[in-house]
C-alpha atoms as a PDB file:
ATOM      1  CA  UNK A   1      27.863  48.135 -43.227  1.00  0.00           C
ATOM      2  CA  UNK A   2      29.898  49.593 -40.668  1.00  0.00           C
ATOM      3  CA  UNK A   3      29.349  53.080 -39.808  1.00  0.00           C
ATOM      4  CA  UNK A   4      31.735  55.887 -37.834  1.00  0.00           C
ATOM      5  CA  UNK A   5      31.103  58.790 -36.665  1.00  0.00           C
ATOM      6  CA  UNK A   6      33.698  61.338 -37.845  1.00  0.00           C
ATOM      7  CA  UNK A   7      34.089  65.122 -38.507  1.00  0.00           C
ATOM      8  CA  UNK A   8      34.235  66.603 -41.768  1.00  0.00           C
ATOM      9  CA  UNK A   9      37.924  67.135 -41.741  1.00  0.00           C
ATOM     10  CA  UNK A  10      38.504  63.807 -40.696  1.00  0.00           C
ATOM     11  CA  UNK A  11      36.185  62.136 -43.505  1.00  0.00           C
ATOM     12  CA  UNK A  12      37.891  64.606 -45.896  1.00  0.00           C
ATOM     13  CA  UNK A  13      41.390  63.302 -45.082  1.00  0.00           C
ATOM     14  CA  UNK A  14      40.549  59.840 -45.658  1.00  0.00           C
ATOM     15  CA  UNK A  15      39.280  60.277 -48.901  1.00  0.00           C
ATOM     16  CA  UNK A  16      42.320  62.228 -49.957  1.00  0.00           C
ATOM     17  CA  UNK A  17      44.127  59.395 -48.503  1.00  0.00           C
ATOM     18  CA  UNK A  18      42.074  56.700 -50.587  1.00  0.00           C
ATOM     19  CA  UNK A  19      42.457  58.373 -53.471  1.00  0.00           C
ATOM     20  CA  UNK A  20      46.120  58.710 -52.797  1.00  0.00           C
ATOM     21  CA  UNK A  21      46.567  54.792 -52.536  1.00  0.00           C
ATOM     22  CA  UNK A  22      44.197  54.323 -55.596  1.00  0.00           C
ATOM     23  CA  UNK A  23      41.732  52.364 -53.540  1.00  0.00           C
ATOM     24  CA  UNK A  24      37.955  53.524 -52.565  1.00  0.00           C
ATOM     25  CA  UNK A  25      38.040  54.738 -48.858  1.00  0.00           C
ATOM     26  CA  UNK A  26      36.005  51.203 -47.638  1.00  0.00           C
ATOM     27  CA  UNK A  27      39.124  49.541 -49.386  1.00  0.00           C
ATOM     28  CA  UNK A  28      41.365  51.901 -47.204  1.00  0.00           C
ATOM     29  CA  UNK A  29      39.476  51.271 -43.871  1.00  0.00           C
ATOM     30  CA  UNK A  30      39.295  47.359 -44.512  1.00  0.00           C
ATOM     31  CA  UNK A  31      43.266  47.120 -44.995  1.00  0.00           C
ATOM     32  CA  UNK A  32      44.092  49.509 -42.070  1.00  0.00           C
ATOM     33  CA  UNK A  33      42.004  47.786 -39.796  1.00  0.00           C
ATOM     34  CA  UNK A  34      43.343  44.062 -41.255  1.00  0.00           C
ATOM     35  CA  UNK A  35      46.596  45.811 -40.467  1.00  0.00           C
ATOM     36  CA  UNK A  36      45.793  46.874 -36.659  1.00  0.00           C
ATOM     37  CA  UNK A  37      46.842  45.159 -33.738  1.00  0.00           C
ATOM     38  CA  UNK A  38      44.753  44.832 -30.559  1.00  0.00           C
ATOM     39  CA  UNK A  39      45.973  44.755 -26.639  1.00  0.00           C
ATOM     40  CA  UNK A  40      44.624  42.386 -24.468  1.00  0.00           C
ATOM     41  CA  UNK A  41      44.606  42.019 -20.966  1.00  0.00           C
ATOM     42  CA  UNK A  42      47.372  40.157 -21.041  1.00  0.00           C
ATOM     43  CA  UNK A  43      49.218  41.836 -23.652  1.00  0.00           C
ATOM     44  CA  UNK A  44      48.918  45.197 -21.564  1.00  0.00           C
ATOM     45  CA  UNK A  45      50.475  42.998 -18.837  1.00  0.00           C
ATOM     46  CA  UNK A  46      52.967  41.621 -20.265  1.00  0.00           C
ATOM     47  CA  UNK A  47      54.540  44.786 -22.248  1.00  0.00           C
ATOM     48  CA  UNK A  48      54.239  46.662 -19.164  1.00  0.00           C
ATOM     49  CA  UNK A  49      56.159  43.871 -17.082  1.00  0.00           C
ATOM     50  CA  UNK A  50      59.075  44.177 -20.358  1.00  0.00           C
ATOM     51  CA  UNK A  51      58.924  47.960 -20.098  1.00  0.00           C
ATOM     52  CA  UNK A  52      59.498  47.701 -16.135  1.00  0.00           C
ATOM     53  CA  UNK A  53      62.438  45.325 -16.646  1.00  0.00           C
ATOM     54  CA  UNK A  54      64.076  47.524 -19.528  1.00  0.00           C
ATOM     55  CA  UNK A  55      63.968  50.431 -17.729  1.00  0.00           C
ATOM     56  CA  UNK A  56      65.680  48.370 -14.404  1.00  0.00           C
ATOM     57  CA  UNK A  57      68.625  47.175 -16.914  1.00  0.00           C
ATOM     58  CA  UNK A  58      68.792  51.126 -18.219  1.00  0.00           C
ATOM     59  CA  UNK A  59      68.957  51.987 -14.785  1.00  0.00           C
ATOM     60  CA  UNK A  60      71.566  49.363 -13.753  1.00  0.00           C
ATOM     61  CA  UNK A  61      73.563  50.400 -17.558  1.00  0.00           C
ATOM     62  CA  UNK A  62      73.922  53.908 -16.323  1.00  0.00           C
ATOM     63  CA  UNK A  63      74.956  52.949 -12.669  1.00  0.00           C
ATOM     64  CA  UNK A  64      77.734  50.920 -14.411  1.00  0.00           C
ATOM     65  CA  UNK A  65      78.812  53.888 -17.048  1.00  0.00           C
ATOM     66  CA  UNK A  66      79.032  56.339 -14.133  1.00  0.00           C
ATOM     67  CA  UNK A  67      81.102  53.873 -11.918  1.00  0.00           C
ATOM     68  CA  UNK A  68      83.106  53.256 -14.920  1.00  0.00           C
ATOM     69  CA  UNK A  69      83.885  57.454 -15.703  1.00  0.00           C
ATOM     70  CA  UNK A  70      84.549  57.409 -11.768  1.00  0.00           C
ATOM     71  CA  UNK A  71      86.688  54.518 -11.146  1.00  0.00           C
ATOM     72  CA  UNK A  72      88.421  53.273 -14.671  1.00  0.00           C
ATOM     73  CA  UNK A  73      91.722  51.073 -14.356  1.00  0.00           C
ATOM     74  CA  UNK A  74      92.787  47.951 -16.461  1.00  0.00           C
ATOM     75  CA  UNK A  75      91.819  45.711 -13.917  1.00  0.00           C
ATOM     76  CA  UNK A  76      88.090  47.145 -13.118  1.00  0.00           C
ATOM     77  CA  UNK A  77      87.746  47.129 -17.161  1.00  0.00           C
ATOM     78  CA  UNK A  78      86.753  43.025 -16.716  1.00  0.00           C
ATOM     79  CA  UNK A  79      84.771  43.514 -14.600  1.00  0.00           C
ATOM     80  CA  UNK A  80      82.320  46.046 -15.862  1.00  0.00           C
ATOM     81  CA  UNK A  81      82.382  43.942 -19.752  1.00  0.00           C
ATOM     82  CA  UNK A  82      81.082  41.437 -17.562  1.00  0.00           C
ATOM     83  CA  UNK A  83      78.461  43.047 -16.450  1.00  0.00           C
ATOM     84  CA  UNK A  84      77.897  44.570 -20.005  1.00  0.00           C
ATOM     85  CA  UNK A  85      77.517  40.652 -21.012  1.00  0.00           C
ATOM     86  CA  UNK A  86      75.084  40.416 -18.216  1.00  0.00           C
ATOM     87  CA  UNK A  87      73.159  43.511 -19.279  1.00  0.00           C
ATOM     88  CA  UNK A  88      73.051  42.552 -22.834  1.00  0.00           C
ATOM     89  CA  UNK A  89      71.976  39.077 -22.180  1.00  0.00           C
ATOM     90  CA  UNK A  90      68.826  40.025 -19.969  1.00  0.00           C
ATOM     91  CA  UNK A  91      67.999  42.526 -22.575  1.00  0.00           C
ATOM     92  CA  UNK A  92      67.882  39.610 -25.168  1.00  0.00           C
ATOM     93  CA  UNK A  93      65.661  37.716 -22.773  1.00  0.00           C
ATOM     94  CA  UNK A  94      63.131  41.031 -22.128  1.00  0.00           C
ATOM     95  CA  UNK A  95      63.096  41.283 -26.257  1.00  0.00           C
ATOM     96  CA  UNK A  96      61.937  37.935 -26.393  1.00  0.00           C
ATOM     97  CA  UNK A  97      59.364  38.255 -24.127  1.00  0.00           C
ATOM     98  CA  UNK A  98      58.075  40.873 -26.376  1.00  0.00           C
ATOM     99  CA  UNK A  99      58.166  39.207 -29.270  1.00  0.00           C
ATOM    100  CA  UNK A 100      56.417  36.316 -27.838  1.00  0.00           C
ATOM    101  CA  UNK A 101      53.324  38.211 -26.393  1.00  0.00           C
ATOM    102  CA  UNK A 102      53.479  40.063 -30.057  1.00  0.00           C
ATOM    103  CA  UNK A 103      53.178  36.791 -31.391  1.00  0.00           C
ATOM    104  CA  UNK A 104      49.751  35.831 -29.521  1.00  0.00           C
ATOM    105  CA  UNK A 105      48.246  38.802 -30.708  1.00  0.00           C
END
């Protein structure tokens, strides 16, 4: 048995959701808690670092796009494409870090 303090409106909403799902409020809460992921301190730090890296990559991409719009030429396009490939690889690495962190939870 677990007790939780909720407002009458929250309690009514939970009952309505349970009825709509065809389960008891207890079953609804058990199912919801089974799907809920919690953040450990290490997972938070990984996610914070991942967000920082994505922001850094995004800033670089914006700078590259601004440069390309200002100084576009055929010869320089090769350099732009090489940088875009580098950004893509960086994003894939960051995505893998996030997947590894999610798997650890």
